[in-house]
Each structure stands twice: as structure tokens, then as C-alpha cells.
Amino acid sequence: MEQQNKENFWSHHTEAYEEKQAFVVGKELVSIAQSEILTEKKLGKVLELGCGTGLYTETIINNSENIVATDFSDEMIEVAIQKRGRLKNVEFQKADALNLEFENESFDTVFMANLIHIIGNGERLIQESNRVLKKGGRIIITFFAIEDMSFLSKIVIGFRFIKTFGKPSKEATIEKTSQKSVETLLSNNGFEIVKSLLLGNKSKSVYLIAKKI
């Protein structure tokens, strides 16, 4: 039932999802995160978790050999295929990021955008990412850094979120994520931090890269 509720929450927002997301945090912040991602080279075989409608899939494809782009929502995958099904060397499929069916050490890079702060079990997410990554492989994480924003900015973002998406899902309120907390999660679960940036002005996003030890 819990998984069904999590899936249904985002499945209801597939229409104009990217526009809604940009309204909540600001188009500038999304653009800054995409620009940072474009600087990463030779990503190899990539597993994307929480791909949504494929916005970031389109960003990372040029630096990847191929991408398996996954999401927990059937509706999100459906829209991603409609919007980005033309992308070469990309396979969209449904997957549970907390219980991946891929074999150990299957990927060179795991990428996730705006997932860890709503998943509800960040440690399990990082452990599964570690399992499917090859030794020396990279994990790239970007997420809206609510906990690193000023009090006023939190209020503004919260208001926009509720106006756009309604009351947050239970998973989104279980675990508070910040730049420091996710760095700690990575360090405690077999990763070495390579890059850690706090992006944006009022609205903020964390951009992290870590290597599997």
C-alpha cells in the first residue's frame, strides 16, 4: 500500500510536470544543475533513478554510452517515452530504486535528480546504487536543498509546492536531506566524495559526485 501511494502521488502530476517543477524551484536553478551535469565526461553505462519525464536523461545522454532510465511510476515512464523515446541508446523502464533488479556491478555511473529528498529511505537508495555500480564507478546526485535554504525561501518553496502538487507525500517528509547529510550517507556506504556544490541563490540545489571505493 505504501509503494502504491508513493507511485500514485507523482503519477497524478505527469501533465506539464517539467513546467510545474520549474515553477516551484525556479527555471534558473534547473538550468544551473543541467549546466553542471553537462561538464561530466565519459559516464559509460548509466543507470538513471527517478527519471520522471526524462528531462535530465536528455541532458546526460551526450556523455554516456547508453542509459537505462527508470522511474517507479508507469505514467512517468509513459510520458518520458512520448517526449524522449527518440533518444538513441536510451531504454526507459519501470523500477523501484530501493529494490533494483539489476545485477551487481552492472553500471559505470548511477545518476539521480531530485529523488533522494523524497524517497523516504536515503540509505537504502545509496546502498542499492553502490551494489549495482562497478568498483571506481561514480554516483551523481542533485536535489533541491530545502534544508540549506533560508527560512523565508523555505516558506516560498513550500507554498509553491503545495499550490502546484498538493500536500507532500509521506515519503517526502520522512527524511530531511541536506548537503551535509547526503555527504555523510555516501561516506558511510562505501563512497568517496569527489565534488560537492551548493547551487543557486534563494532556491538552492545540491550537486554531488562520489566514487565507489
N, C-alpha and C. Protein backbone atom coordinates (compact mmCIF):
# COMPACT_ATOMS: atom_id res chain seq x y z
N MET A 1 0.83 -1.21 0.00
CA MET A 1 0.00 0.00 0.00
C MET A 1 0.87 1.26 0.00
N GLU A 2 1.96 1.23 0.80
CA GLU A 2 2.84 2.40 0.87
C GLU A 2 3.46 2.69 -0.48
N GLN A 3 3.91 1.64 -1.18
CA GLN A 3 4.51 1.82 -2.50
C GLN A 3 3.47 2.35 -3.49
N GLN A 4 2.25 1.85 -3.38
CA GLN A 4 1.19 2.30 -4.28
C GLN A 4 0.91 3.78 -4.08
N ASN A 5 0.88 4.22 -2.81
CA ASN A 5 0.65 5.63 -2.52
C ASN A 5 1.75 6.50 -3.09
N LYS A 6 2.99 6.03 -2.97
CA LYS A 6 4.14 6.79 -3.48
C LYS A 6 4.05 6.93 -4.98
N GLU A 7 3.69 5.85 -5.65
CA GLU A 7 3.58 5.89 -7.11
C GLU A 7 2.45 6.81 -7.54
N ASN A 8 1.31 6.69 -6.86
CA ASN A 8 0.13 7.48 -7.25
C ASN A 8 0.36 8.98 -7.09
N PHE A 9 1.10 9.38 -6.06
CA PHE A 9 1.30 10.81 -5.81
C PHE A 9 1.89 11.48 -7.03
N TRP A 10 2.98 10.92 -7.60
CA TRP A 10 3.64 11.55 -8.74
C TRP A 10 2.95 11.23 -10.06
N SER A 11 2.27 10.10 -10.13
CA SER A 11 1.56 9.73 -11.36
C SER A 11 0.47 10.74 -11.69
N HIS A 12 -0.07 11.40 -10.68
CA HIS A 12 -1.13 12.39 -10.89
C HIS A 12 -0.61 13.70 -11.47
N HIS A 13 0.72 13.83 -11.55
CA HIS A 13 1.29 15.11 -11.95
C HIS A 13 2.14 15.02 -13.23
N THR A 14 1.87 14.04 -14.06
CA THR A 14 2.67 13.88 -15.28
C THR A 14 2.41 15.00 -16.29
N GLU A 15 1.17 15.51 -16.30
CA GLU A 15 0.83 16.58 -17.24
C GLU A 15 1.57 17.86 -16.85
N ALA A 16 2.35 18.40 -17.78
CA ALA A 16 3.12 19.64 -17.55
C ALA A 16 4.03 19.53 -16.33
N TYR A 17 4.53 18.32 -16.07
CA TYR A 17 5.36 18.09 -14.88
C TYR A 17 6.60 18.98 -14.85
N GLU A 18 7.28 19.09 -15.98
CA GLU A 18 8.52 19.88 -16.02
C GLU A 18 8.24 21.36 -15.76
N GLU A 19 7.15 21.87 -16.29
CA GLU A 19 6.78 23.25 -16.06
C GLU A 19 6.41 23.49 -14.59
N LYS A 20 5.71 22.52 -14.00
CA LYS A 20 5.35 22.63 -12.59
C LYS A 20 6.59 22.65 -11.70
N GLN A 21 7.52 21.76 -12.01
CA GLN A 21 8.75 21.67 -11.23
C GLN A 21 9.55 22.97 -11.32
N ALA A 22 9.64 23.53 -12.53
CA ALA A 22 10.37 24.77 -12.75
C ALA A 22 9.71 25.93 -11.99
N PHE A 23 8.38 25.93 -11.92
CA PHE A 23 7.67 26.97 -11.18
C PHE A 23 7.99 26.91 -9.69
N VAL A 24 8.05 25.69 -9.14
CA VAL A 24 8.27 25.54 -7.71
C VAL A 24 9.66 26.03 -7.31
N VAL A 25 10.69 25.65 -8.05
CA VAL A 25 12.06 25.99 -7.63
C VAL A 25 12.71 27.09 -8.47
N GLY A 26 12.10 27.41 -9.60
CA GLY A 26 12.66 28.42 -10.48
C GLY A 26 13.41 27.81 -11.65
N LYS A 27 13.18 28.33 -12.85
CA LYS A 27 13.84 27.79 -14.04
C LYS A 27 15.35 27.92 -13.96
N GLU A 28 15.82 28.99 -13.32
CA GLU A 28 17.26 29.23 -13.25
C GLU A 28 17.98 28.10 -12.53
N LEU A 29 17.40 27.60 -11.45
CA LEU A 29 18.05 26.54 -10.68
C LEU A 29 18.14 25.25 -11.48
N VAL A 30 17.07 24.92 -12.21
CA VAL A 30 17.10 23.73 -13.07
C VAL A 30 18.18 23.88 -14.12
N SER A 31 18.29 25.06 -14.72
CA SER A 31 19.29 25.32 -15.75
C SER A 31 20.71 25.22 -15.22
N ILE A 32 20.94 25.72 -14.00
CA ILE A 32 22.27 25.65 -13.39
C ILE A 32 22.67 24.19 -13.17
N ALA A 33 21.75 23.39 -12.66
CA ALA A 33 22.04 21.97 -12.42
C ALA A 33 22.35 21.25 -13.73
N GLN A 34 21.57 21.54 -14.77
CA GLN A 34 21.82 20.91 -16.07
C GLN A 34 23.19 21.30 -16.61
N SER A 35 23.57 22.56 -16.46
CA SER A 35 24.87 23.03 -16.95
C SER A 35 26.01 22.30 -16.24
N GLU A 36 25.85 22.06 -14.96
CA GLU A 36 26.87 21.35 -14.18
C GLU A 36 27.00 19.91 -14.66
N ILE A 37 25.86 19.28 -14.92
CA ILE A 37 25.86 17.89 -15.38
C ILE A 37 26.56 17.76 -16.73
N LEU A 38 26.39 18.75 -17.59
CA LEU A 38 26.99 18.71 -18.92
C LEU A 38 28.52 18.74 -18.89
N THR A 39 29.10 19.11 -17.76
CA THR A 39 30.57 19.14 -17.66
C THR A 39 31.16 17.76 -17.39
N GLU A 40 30.32 16.81 -17.00
CA GLU A 40 30.82 15.46 -16.69
C GLU A 40 31.04 14.67 -17.98
N LYS A 41 32.18 14.00 -18.08
CA LYS A 41 32.54 13.28 -19.29
C LYS A 41 32.65 11.77 -19.04
N LYS A 42 32.51 11.01 -20.13
CA LYS A 42 32.73 9.56 -20.12
C LYS A 42 31.99 8.88 -18.97
N LEU A 43 30.67 9.00 -19.00
CA LEU A 43 29.85 8.39 -17.96
C LEU A 43 29.65 6.90 -18.18
N GLY A 44 29.95 6.42 -19.38
CA GLY A 44 29.83 5.00 -19.66
C GLY A 44 28.39 4.51 -19.66
N LYS A 45 28.20 3.34 -19.09
CA LYS A 45 26.85 2.76 -18.99
C LYS A 45 26.18 3.35 -17.75
N VAL A 46 25.05 4.04 -17.96
CA VAL A 46 24.42 4.82 -16.89
C VAL A 46 23.08 4.22 -16.48
N LEU A 47 22.87 4.17 -15.18
CA LEU A 47 21.55 3.87 -14.63
C LEU A 47 21.01 5.16 -14.05
N GLU A 48 19.87 5.61 -14.56
CA GLU A 48 19.23 6.79 -14.01
C GLU A 48 18.05 6.35 -13.15
N LEU A 49 18.00 6.85 -11.92
CA LEU A 49 16.92 6.52 -10.99
C LEU A 49 16.01 7.73 -10.85
N GLY A 50 14.70 7.49 -10.90
CA GLY A 50 13.74 8.58 -10.79
C GLY A 50 13.81 9.52 -11.98
N CYS A 51 13.78 8.97 -13.17
CA CYS A 51 13.97 9.78 -14.39
C CYS A 51 12.81 10.72 -14.67
N GLY A 52 11.64 10.46 -14.06
CA GLY A 52 10.48 11.31 -14.34
C GLY A 52 10.14 11.30 -15.81
N THR A 53 10.01 12.47 -16.39
CA THR A 53 9.65 12.58 -17.81
C THR A 53 10.88 12.63 -18.74
N GLY A 54 12.06 12.40 -18.16
CA GLY A 54 13.26 12.29 -18.99
C GLY A 54 14.01 13.59 -19.24
N LEU A 55 13.71 14.63 -18.46
CA LEU A 55 14.37 15.93 -18.66
C LEU A 55 15.88 15.81 -18.52
N TYR A 56 16.34 15.18 -17.44
CA TYR A 56 17.77 15.05 -17.22
C TYR A 56 18.38 13.93 -18.06
N THR A 57 17.56 12.98 -18.47
CA THR A 57 18.04 11.93 -19.37
C THR A 57 18.59 12.56 -20.64
N GLU A 58 17.86 13.53 -21.15
CA GLU A 58 18.27 14.24 -22.35
C GLU A 58 19.55 15.04 -22.12
N THR A 59 19.77 15.47 -20.88
CA THR A 59 20.96 16.24 -20.55
C THR A 59 22.22 15.38 -20.54
N ILE A 60 22.13 14.16 -20.01
CA ILE A 60 23.33 13.33 -19.82
C ILE A 60 23.64 12.40 -20.99
N ILE A 61 22.73 12.28 -21.96
CA ILE A 61 22.92 11.28 -23.00
C ILE A 61 24.18 11.50 -23.84
N ASN A 62 24.55 12.74 -24.10
CA ASN A 62 25.70 13.01 -24.97
C ASN A 62 27.02 12.54 -24.38
N ASN A 63 27.08 12.40 -23.05
CA ASN A 63 28.32 11.98 -22.40
C ASN A 63 28.25 10.54 -21.91
N SER A 64 27.26 9.78 -22.39
CA SER A 64 27.06 8.41 -21.94
C SER A 64 27.12 7.44 -23.12
N GLU A 65 27.53 6.21 -22.86
CA GLU A 65 27.46 5.17 -23.89
C GLU A 65 26.01 4.75 -24.10
N ASN A 66 25.33 4.51 -23.00
CA ASN A 66 23.90 4.20 -23.03
C ASN A 66 23.31 4.46 -21.65
N ILE A 67 22.00 4.59 -21.61
CA ILE A 67 21.31 4.90 -20.35
C ILE A 67 20.12 3.97 -20.18
N VAL A 68 20.01 3.38 -18.98
CA VAL A 68 18.77 2.73 -18.57
C VAL A 68 18.10 3.72 -17.63
N ALA A 69 17.04 4.37 -18.11
CA ALA A 69 16.36 5.43 -17.36
C ALA A 69 15.12 4.83 -16.70
N THR A 70 15.06 4.89 -15.38
CA THR A 70 13.99 4.22 -14.65
C THR A 70 13.19 5.17 -13.78
N ASP A 71 11.95 4.79 -13.53
CA ASP A 71 11.09 5.52 -12.60
C ASP A 71 10.10 4.53 -12.01
N PHE A 72 9.58 4.86 -10.82
CA PHE A 72 8.63 3.98 -10.15
C PHE A 72 7.21 4.12 -10.69
N SER A 73 6.97 5.20 -11.42
CA SER A 73 5.63 5.50 -11.92
C SER A 73 5.46 5.07 -13.37
N ASP A 74 4.48 4.25 -13.64
CA ASP A 74 4.17 3.84 -15.02
C ASP A 74 3.85 5.05 -15.88
N GLU A 75 3.11 5.99 -15.31
CA GLU A 75 2.70 7.17 -16.06
C GLU A 75 3.90 8.05 -16.43
N MET A 76 4.84 8.20 -15.51
CA MET A 76 6.05 8.97 -15.80
C MET A 76 6.83 8.34 -16.95
N ILE A 77 6.98 7.03 -16.90
CA ILE A 77 7.70 6.32 -17.96
C ILE A 77 6.99 6.50 -19.29
N GLU A 78 5.67 6.44 -19.26
CA GLU A 78 4.87 6.62 -20.48
C GLU A 78 5.13 7.99 -21.11
N VAL A 79 5.13 9.04 -20.27
CA VAL A 79 5.37 10.39 -20.78
C VAL A 79 6.82 10.54 -21.24
N ALA A 80 7.75 9.94 -20.51
CA ALA A 80 9.16 10.00 -20.91
C ALA A 80 9.37 9.40 -22.29
N ILE A 81 8.71 8.29 -22.55
CA ILE A 81 8.83 7.64 -23.87
C ILE A 81 8.21 8.53 -24.95
N GLN A 82 7.07 9.15 -24.62
CA GLN A 82 6.43 10.05 -25.58
C GLN A 82 7.33 11.24 -25.91
N LYS A 83 7.97 11.80 -24.88
CA LYS A 83 8.78 13.01 -25.07
C LYS A 83 10.20 12.71 -25.55
N ARG A 84 10.79 11.62 -25.04
CA ARG A 84 12.20 11.37 -25.31
C ARG A 84 12.49 9.97 -25.86
N GLY A 85 11.46 9.31 -26.35
CA GLY A 85 11.65 7.98 -26.91
C GLY A 85 12.56 7.96 -28.13
N ARG A 86 12.75 9.14 -28.75
CA ARG A 86 13.61 9.23 -29.94
C ARG A 86 15.09 9.17 -29.58
N LEU A 87 15.44 9.38 -28.31
CA LEU A 87 16.85 9.41 -27.92
C LEU A 87 17.52 8.07 -28.19
N LYS A 88 18.68 8.10 -28.81
CA LYS A 88 19.41 6.88 -29.12
C LYS A 88 20.10 6.35 -27.86
N ASN A 89 20.18 5.03 -27.78
CA ASN A 89 20.88 4.36 -26.68
C ASN A 89 20.28 4.65 -25.31
N VAL A 90 18.96 4.88 -25.29
CA VAL A 90 18.25 5.09 -24.03
C VAL A 90 17.10 4.09 -23.95
N GLU A 91 17.00 3.41 -22.81
CA GLU A 91 15.88 2.50 -22.55
C GLU A 91 15.15 2.99 -21.31
N PHE A 92 13.87 3.28 -21.47
CA PHE A 92 13.05 3.68 -20.33
C PHE A 92 12.32 2.46 -19.78
N GLN A 93 12.37 2.29 -18.46
CA GLN A 93 11.67 1.17 -17.86
C GLN A 93 11.31 1.46 -16.39
N LYS A 94 10.28 0.77 -15.91
CA LYS A 94 9.87 0.93 -14.53
C LYS A 94 10.81 0.18 -13.60
N ALA A 95 11.15 0.80 -12.47
CA ALA A 95 11.98 0.13 -11.47
C ALA A 95 11.79 0.80 -10.12
N ASP A 96 11.96 0.02 -9.08
CA ASP A 96 11.91 0.52 -7.71
C ASP A 96 13.35 0.78 -7.28
N ALA A 97 13.70 2.04 -7.06
CA ALA A 97 15.08 2.41 -6.74
C ALA A 97 15.58 1.80 -5.43
N LEU A 98 14.65 1.37 -4.58
CA LEU A 98 15.04 0.77 -3.31
C LEU A 98 15.19 -0.74 -3.41
N ASN A 99 14.76 -1.32 -4.51
CA ASN A 99 14.86 -2.77 -4.72
C ASN A 99 15.12 -3.04 -6.20
N LEU A 100 16.33 -2.73 -6.63
CA LEU A 100 16.68 -2.85 -8.04
C LEU A 100 16.89 -4.30 -8.45
N GLU A 101 16.48 -4.63 -9.65
CA GLU A 101 16.61 -6.00 -10.15
C GLU A 101 17.86 -6.20 -11.00
N PHE A 102 18.71 -5.20 -11.08
CA PHE A 102 19.93 -5.31 -11.87
C PHE A 102 21.01 -6.08 -11.09
N GLU A 103 21.91 -6.71 -11.83
CA GLU A 103 22.98 -7.48 -11.20
C GLU A 103 24.01 -6.57 -10.56
N ASN A 104 24.78 -7.13 -9.66
CA ASN A 104 25.87 -6.39 -9.02
C ASN A 104 26.86 -5.87 -10.06
N GLU A 105 27.38 -4.68 -9.83
CA GLU A 105 28.43 -4.08 -10.66
C GLU A 105 28.07 -4.07 -12.15
N SER A 106 26.86 -3.59 -12.45
CA SER A 106 26.36 -3.56 -13.83
C SER A 106 26.59 -2.23 -14.53
N PHE A 107 26.86 -1.16 -13.76
CA PHE A 107 26.89 0.19 -14.35
C PHE A 107 28.16 0.95 -13.98
N ASP A 108 28.54 1.87 -14.87
CA ASP A 108 29.68 2.75 -14.62
C ASP A 108 29.26 3.98 -13.82
N THR A 109 28.01 4.41 -14.01
CA THR A 109 27.50 5.62 -13.35
C THR A 109 26.06 5.41 -12.92
N VAL A 110 25.73 5.86 -11.73
CA VAL A 110 24.34 5.97 -11.28
C VAL A 110 24.03 7.45 -11.15
N PHE A 111 22.95 7.88 -11.75
CA PHE A 111 22.55 9.29 -11.73
C PHE A 111 21.14 9.42 -11.18
N MET A 112 20.94 10.41 -10.33
CA MET A 112 19.58 10.68 -9.83
C MET A 112 19.41 12.17 -9.61
N ALA A 113 18.29 12.70 -10.07
CA ALA A 113 17.97 14.11 -9.89
C ALA A 113 16.66 14.24 -9.13
N ASN A 114 16.71 14.95 -8.03
CA ASN A 114 15.50 15.26 -7.26
C ASN A 114 14.74 14.03 -6.80
N LEU A 115 15.51 13.04 -6.35
CA LEU A 115 14.92 11.79 -5.86
C LEU A 115 15.21 11.57 -4.39
N ILE A 116 16.45 11.78 -3.97
CA ILE A 116 16.85 11.36 -2.63
C ILE A 116 16.07 12.09 -1.53
N HIS A 117 15.62 13.32 -1.80
CA HIS A 117 14.91 14.07 -0.77
C HIS A 117 13.44 13.69 -0.65
N ILE A 118 12.94 12.85 -1.56
CA ILE A 118 11.54 12.42 -1.48
C ILE A 118 11.38 10.91 -1.33
N ILE A 119 12.48 10.16 -1.39
CA ILE A 119 12.40 8.70 -1.43
C ILE A 119 12.00 8.11 -0.09
N GLY A 120 12.38 8.78 1.03
CA GLY A 120 11.99 8.29 2.34
C GLY A 120 12.96 7.32 2.97
N ASN A 121 13.94 6.82 2.20
CA ASN A 121 14.94 5.90 2.74
C ASN A 121 16.25 6.10 1.97
N GLY A 122 16.90 7.21 2.27
CA GLY A 122 18.11 7.58 1.53
C GLY A 122 19.22 6.56 1.65
N GLU A 123 19.35 5.95 2.82
CA GLU A 123 20.43 4.97 3.00
C GLU A 123 20.24 3.75 2.11
N ARG A 124 19.02 3.24 2.05
CA ARG A 124 18.74 2.10 1.18
C ARG A 124 19.01 2.46 -0.28
N LEU A 125 18.64 3.67 -0.68
CA LEU A 125 18.86 4.14 -2.04
C LEU A 125 20.35 4.15 -2.37
N ILE A 126 21.17 4.65 -1.46
CA ILE A 126 22.62 4.71 -1.67
C ILE A 126 23.22 3.30 -1.68
N GLN A 127 22.75 2.43 -0.83
CA GLN A 127 23.26 1.04 -0.78
C GLN A 127 22.96 0.29 -2.07
N GLU A 128 21.76 0.46 -2.61
CA GLU A 128 21.41 -0.19 -3.87
C GLU A 128 22.23 0.39 -5.02
N SER A 129 22.47 1.69 -4.98
CA SER A 129 23.30 2.33 -6.00
C SER A 129 24.72 1.77 -5.94
N ASN A 130 25.24 1.62 -4.75
CA ASN A 130 26.58 1.05 -4.57
C ASN A 130 26.65 -0.37 -5.14
N ARG A 131 25.63 -1.15 -4.87
CA ARG A 131 25.62 -2.56 -5.31
C ARG A 131 25.70 -2.69 -6.82
N VAL A 132 24.97 -1.87 -7.54
CA VAL A 132 24.92 -2.02 -9.00
C VAL A 132 26.06 -1.29 -9.71
N LEU A 133 26.84 -0.51 -8.96
CA LEU A 133 27.97 0.22 -9.56
C LEU A 133 29.22 -0.64 -9.59
N LYS A 134 29.99 -0.50 -10.65
CA LYS A 134 31.30 -1.14 -10.73
C LYS A 134 32.25 -0.45 -9.75
N LYS A 135 33.29 -1.13 -9.33
CA LYS A 135 34.28 -0.52 -8.45
C LYS A 135 34.92 0.67 -9.18
N GLY A 136 35.00 1.79 -8.50
CA GLY A 136 35.52 3.00 -9.14
C GLY A 136 34.46 3.77 -9.90
N GLY A 137 33.23 3.23 -9.96
CA GLY A 137 32.14 3.90 -10.65
C GLY A 137 31.67 5.13 -9.89
N ARG A 138 30.95 5.99 -10.58
CA ARG A 138 30.52 7.25 -9.99
C ARG A 138 29.02 7.29 -9.72
N ILE A 139 28.66 7.96 -8.67
CA ILE A 139 27.26 8.29 -8.41
C ILE A 139 27.15 9.81 -8.47
N ILE A 140 26.17 10.28 -9.23
CA ILE A 140 25.92 11.72 -9.38
C ILE A 140 24.53 12.00 -8.84
N ILE A 141 24.46 12.89 -7.87
CA ILE A 141 23.20 13.20 -7.20
C ILE A 141 22.97 14.70 -7.22
N THR A 142 21.80 15.11 -7.65
CA THR A 142 21.41 16.51 -7.49
C THR A 142 19.99 16.54 -6.91
N PHE A 143 19.76 17.48 -6.01
CA PHE A 143 18.43 17.56 -5.38
C PHE A 143 18.20 18.96 -4.82
N PHE A 144 16.93 19.32 -4.71
CA PHE A 144 16.56 20.62 -4.15
C PHE A 144 16.92 20.64 -2.67
N ALA A 145 17.72 21.62 -2.27
CA ALA A 145 18.29 21.64 -0.92
C ALA A 145 17.44 22.49 0.01
N ILE A 146 16.26 22.01 0.32
CA ILE A 146 15.34 22.76 1.19
C ILE A 146 16.00 23.08 2.53
N GLU A 147 16.70 22.10 3.11
CA GLU A 147 17.29 22.29 4.44
C GLU A 147 18.45 23.28 4.44
N ASP A 148 18.98 23.59 3.25
CA ASP A 148 20.09 24.54 3.15
C ASP A 148 19.64 25.94 2.74
N MET A 149 18.32 26.13 2.64
CA MET A 149 17.77 27.44 2.26
C MET A 149 17.45 28.27 3.50
N SER A 150 17.28 29.55 3.30
CA SER A 150 16.87 30.43 4.39
C SER A 150 15.43 30.11 4.77
N PHE A 151 15.02 30.56 5.95
CA PHE A 151 13.67 30.31 6.43
C PHE A 151 12.63 30.86 5.45
N LEU A 152 12.86 32.07 4.96
CA LEU A 152 11.92 32.70 4.04
C LEU A 152 11.82 31.91 2.74
N SER A 153 12.96 31.48 2.23
CA SER A 153 12.96 30.70 0.97
C SER A 153 12.22 29.38 1.15
N LYS A 154 12.37 28.76 2.32
CA LYS A 154 11.64 27.52 2.61
C LYS A 154 10.13 27.76 2.54
N ILE A 155 9.69 28.88 3.11
CA ILE A 155 8.26 29.20 3.11
C ILE A 155 7.76 29.37 1.68
N VAL A 156 8.51 30.11 0.88
CA VAL A 156 8.12 30.37 -0.51
C VAL A 156 8.04 29.07 -1.30
N ILE A 157 9.09 28.23 -1.19
CA ILE A 157 9.12 26.95 -1.91
C ILE A 157 7.97 26.06 -1.44
N GLY A 158 7.75 26.01 -0.13
CA GLY A 158 6.68 25.18 0.42
C GLY A 158 5.32 25.60 -0.11
N PHE A 159 5.08 26.91 -0.16
CA PHE A 159 3.81 27.42 -0.68
C PHE A 159 3.64 27.04 -2.14
N ARG A 160 4.69 27.23 -2.94
CA ARG A 160 4.61 26.89 -4.36
C ARG A 160 4.37 25.39 -4.56
N PHE A 161 5.03 24.58 -3.74
CA PHE A 161 4.88 23.13 -3.87
C PHE A 161 3.43 22.72 -3.61
N ILE A 162 2.87 23.20 -2.50
CA ILE A 162 1.50 22.82 -2.15
C ILE A 162 0.52 23.34 -3.20
N LYS A 163 0.74 24.55 -3.69
CA LYS A 163 -0.13 25.12 -4.72
C LYS A 163 -0.09 24.29 -6.00
N THR A 164 1.10 23.75 -6.30
CA THR A 164 1.29 23.03 -7.56
C THR A 164 0.99 21.54 -7.46
N PHE A 165 1.53 20.91 -6.41
CA PHE A 165 1.43 19.45 -6.29
C PHE A 165 0.48 18.98 -5.19
N GLY A 166 0.05 19.89 -4.32
CA GLY A 166 -0.77 19.49 -3.19
C GLY A 166 0.11 19.09 -2.00
N LYS A 167 -0.49 18.51 -0.99
CA LYS A 167 0.24 18.10 0.21
C LYS A 167 1.31 17.08 -0.14
N PRO A 168 2.54 17.25 0.36
CA PRO A 168 3.62 16.30 0.03
C PRO A 168 3.28 14.89 0.46
N SER A 169 3.84 13.92 -0.25
CA SER A 169 3.66 12.52 0.13
C SER A 169 4.36 12.25 1.45
N LYS A 170 4.00 11.17 2.12
CA LYS A 170 4.63 10.81 3.39
C LYS A 170 6.13 10.68 3.24
N GLU A 171 6.55 10.08 2.12
CA GLU A 171 7.97 9.83 1.89
C GLU A 171 8.78 11.13 1.88
N ALA A 172 8.16 12.20 1.37
CA ALA A 172 8.86 13.47 1.24
C ALA A 172 9.12 14.13 2.59
N THR A 173 8.42 13.69 3.63
CA THR A 173 8.58 14.31 4.95
C THR A 173 9.26 13.40 5.96
N ILE A 174 9.57 12.18 5.57
CA ILE A 174 10.18 11.22 6.49
C ILE A 174 11.61 11.62 6.84
N GLU A 175 12.35 12.01 5.85
CA GLU A 175 13.79 12.19 5.99
C GLU A 175 14.20 13.57 5.49
N LYS A 176 14.85 14.36 6.33
CA LYS A 176 15.32 15.67 5.95
C LYS A 176 16.71 15.55 5.33
N THR A 177 16.86 16.00 4.09
CA THR A 177 18.15 15.88 3.40
C THR A 177 18.78 17.25 3.22
N SER A 178 20.08 17.29 3.42
CA SER A 178 20.87 18.49 3.24
C SER A 178 22.19 18.09 2.57
N GLN A 179 22.98 19.07 2.18
CA GLN A 179 24.28 18.78 1.59
C GLN A 179 25.10 17.90 2.52
N LYS A 180 25.16 18.26 3.80
CA LYS A 180 25.96 17.51 4.76
C LYS A 180 25.42 16.12 5.00
N SER A 181 24.10 15.99 5.13
CA SER A 181 23.53 14.66 5.45
C SER A 181 23.74 13.68 4.32
N VAL A 182 23.65 14.13 3.06
CA VAL A 182 23.85 13.22 1.93
C VAL A 182 25.34 12.90 1.77
N GLU A 183 26.21 13.85 2.03
CA GLU A 183 27.65 13.57 2.03
C GLU A 183 27.96 12.45 3.04
N THR A 184 27.37 12.56 4.22
CA THR A 184 27.58 11.56 5.27
C THR A 184 27.05 10.19 4.85
N LEU A 185 25.86 10.17 4.24
CA LEU A 185 25.29 8.92 3.75
C LEU A 185 26.24 8.23 2.77
N LEU A 186 26.79 9.01 1.86
CA LEU A 186 27.70 8.46 0.86
C LEU A 186 28.97 7.93 1.52
N SER A 187 29.55 8.72 2.40
CA SER A 187 30.80 8.33 3.07
C SER A 187 30.62 7.07 3.92
N ASN A 188 29.45 6.92 4.51
CA ASN A 188 29.18 5.77 5.38
C ASN A 188 28.80 4.51 4.61
N ASN A 189 28.63 4.64 3.29
CA ASN A 189 28.17 3.49 2.50
C ASN A 189 29.06 3.21 1.30
N GLY A 190 30.36 3.36 1.50
CA GLY A 190 31.32 2.90 0.51
C GLY A 190 31.68 3.86 -0.60
N PHE A 191 31.49 5.16 -0.38
CA PHE A 191 31.81 6.15 -1.41
C PHE A 191 32.80 7.19 -0.90
N GLU A 192 33.57 7.73 -1.82
CA GLU A 192 34.47 8.84 -1.55
C GLU A 192 33.96 10.07 -2.29
N ILE A 193 33.73 11.17 -1.58
CA ILE A 193 33.22 12.38 -2.18
C ILE A 193 34.25 12.97 -3.14
N VAL A 194 33.82 13.25 -4.37
CA VAL A 194 34.68 13.84 -5.39
C VAL A 194 34.36 15.31 -5.60
N LYS A 195 33.09 15.65 -5.56
CA LYS A 195 32.63 17.02 -5.77
C LYS A 195 31.37 17.25 -4.95
N SER A 196 31.30 18.42 -4.31
CA SER A 196 30.11 18.76 -3.55
C SER A 196 29.86 20.26 -3.66
N LEU A 197 28.77 20.63 -4.34
CA LEU A 197 28.47 22.03 -4.60
C LEU A 197 27.07 22.37 -4.12
N LEU A 198 26.91 23.60 -3.63
CA LEU A 198 25.60 24.14 -3.31
C LEU A 198 25.29 25.20 -4.36
N LEU A 199 24.31 24.93 -5.20
CA LEU A 199 24.00 25.79 -6.33
C LEU A 199 22.80 26.69 -6.03
N GLY A 200 22.77 27.86 -6.68
CA GLY A 200 21.62 28.73 -6.60
C GLY A 200 21.75 29.82 -5.55
N ASN A 201 20.81 30.76 -5.56
CA ASN A 201 20.79 31.87 -4.62
C ASN A 201 19.71 31.66 -3.57
N LYS A 202 18.47 32.08 -3.86
CA LYS A 202 17.38 31.86 -2.90
C LYS A 202 16.96 30.40 -2.90
N SER A 203 16.58 29.90 -4.07
CA SER A 203 16.35 28.46 -4.22
C SER A 203 17.71 27.80 -4.36
N LYS A 204 17.90 26.68 -3.71
CA LYS A 204 19.21 26.03 -3.74
C LYS A 204 19.10 24.56 -4.12
N SER A 205 20.15 24.09 -4.76
CA SER A 205 20.24 22.70 -5.16
C SER A 205 21.63 22.18 -4.79
N VAL A 206 21.70 20.94 -4.34
CA VAL A 206 22.98 20.30 -4.06
C VAL A 206 23.38 19.46 -5.27
N TYR A 207 24.67 19.52 -5.59
CA TYR A 207 25.20 18.72 -6.68
C TYR A 207 26.40 17.94 -6.14
N LEU A 208 26.27 16.62 -6.11
CA LEU A 208 27.28 15.76 -5.50
C LEU A 208 27.77 14.69 -6.48
N ILE A 209 29.06 14.44 -6.47
CA ILE A 209 29.63 13.30 -7.18
C ILE A 209 30.50 12.52 -6.20
N ALA A 210 30.33 11.21 -6.17
CA ALA A 210 31.15 10.36 -5.32
C ALA A 210 31.58 9.12 -6.09
N LYS A 211 32.73 8.57 -5.71
CA LYS A 211 33.29 7.39 -6.36
C LYS A 211 33.17 6.18 -5.44
N LYS A 212 32.77 5.04 -6.01
CA LYS A 212 32.70 3.81 -5.24
C LYS A 212 34.10 3.33 -4.91
N ILE A 213 34.36 3.15 -3.65
CA ILE A 213 35.69 2.73 -3.19
C ILE A 213 35.90 1.24 -3.46
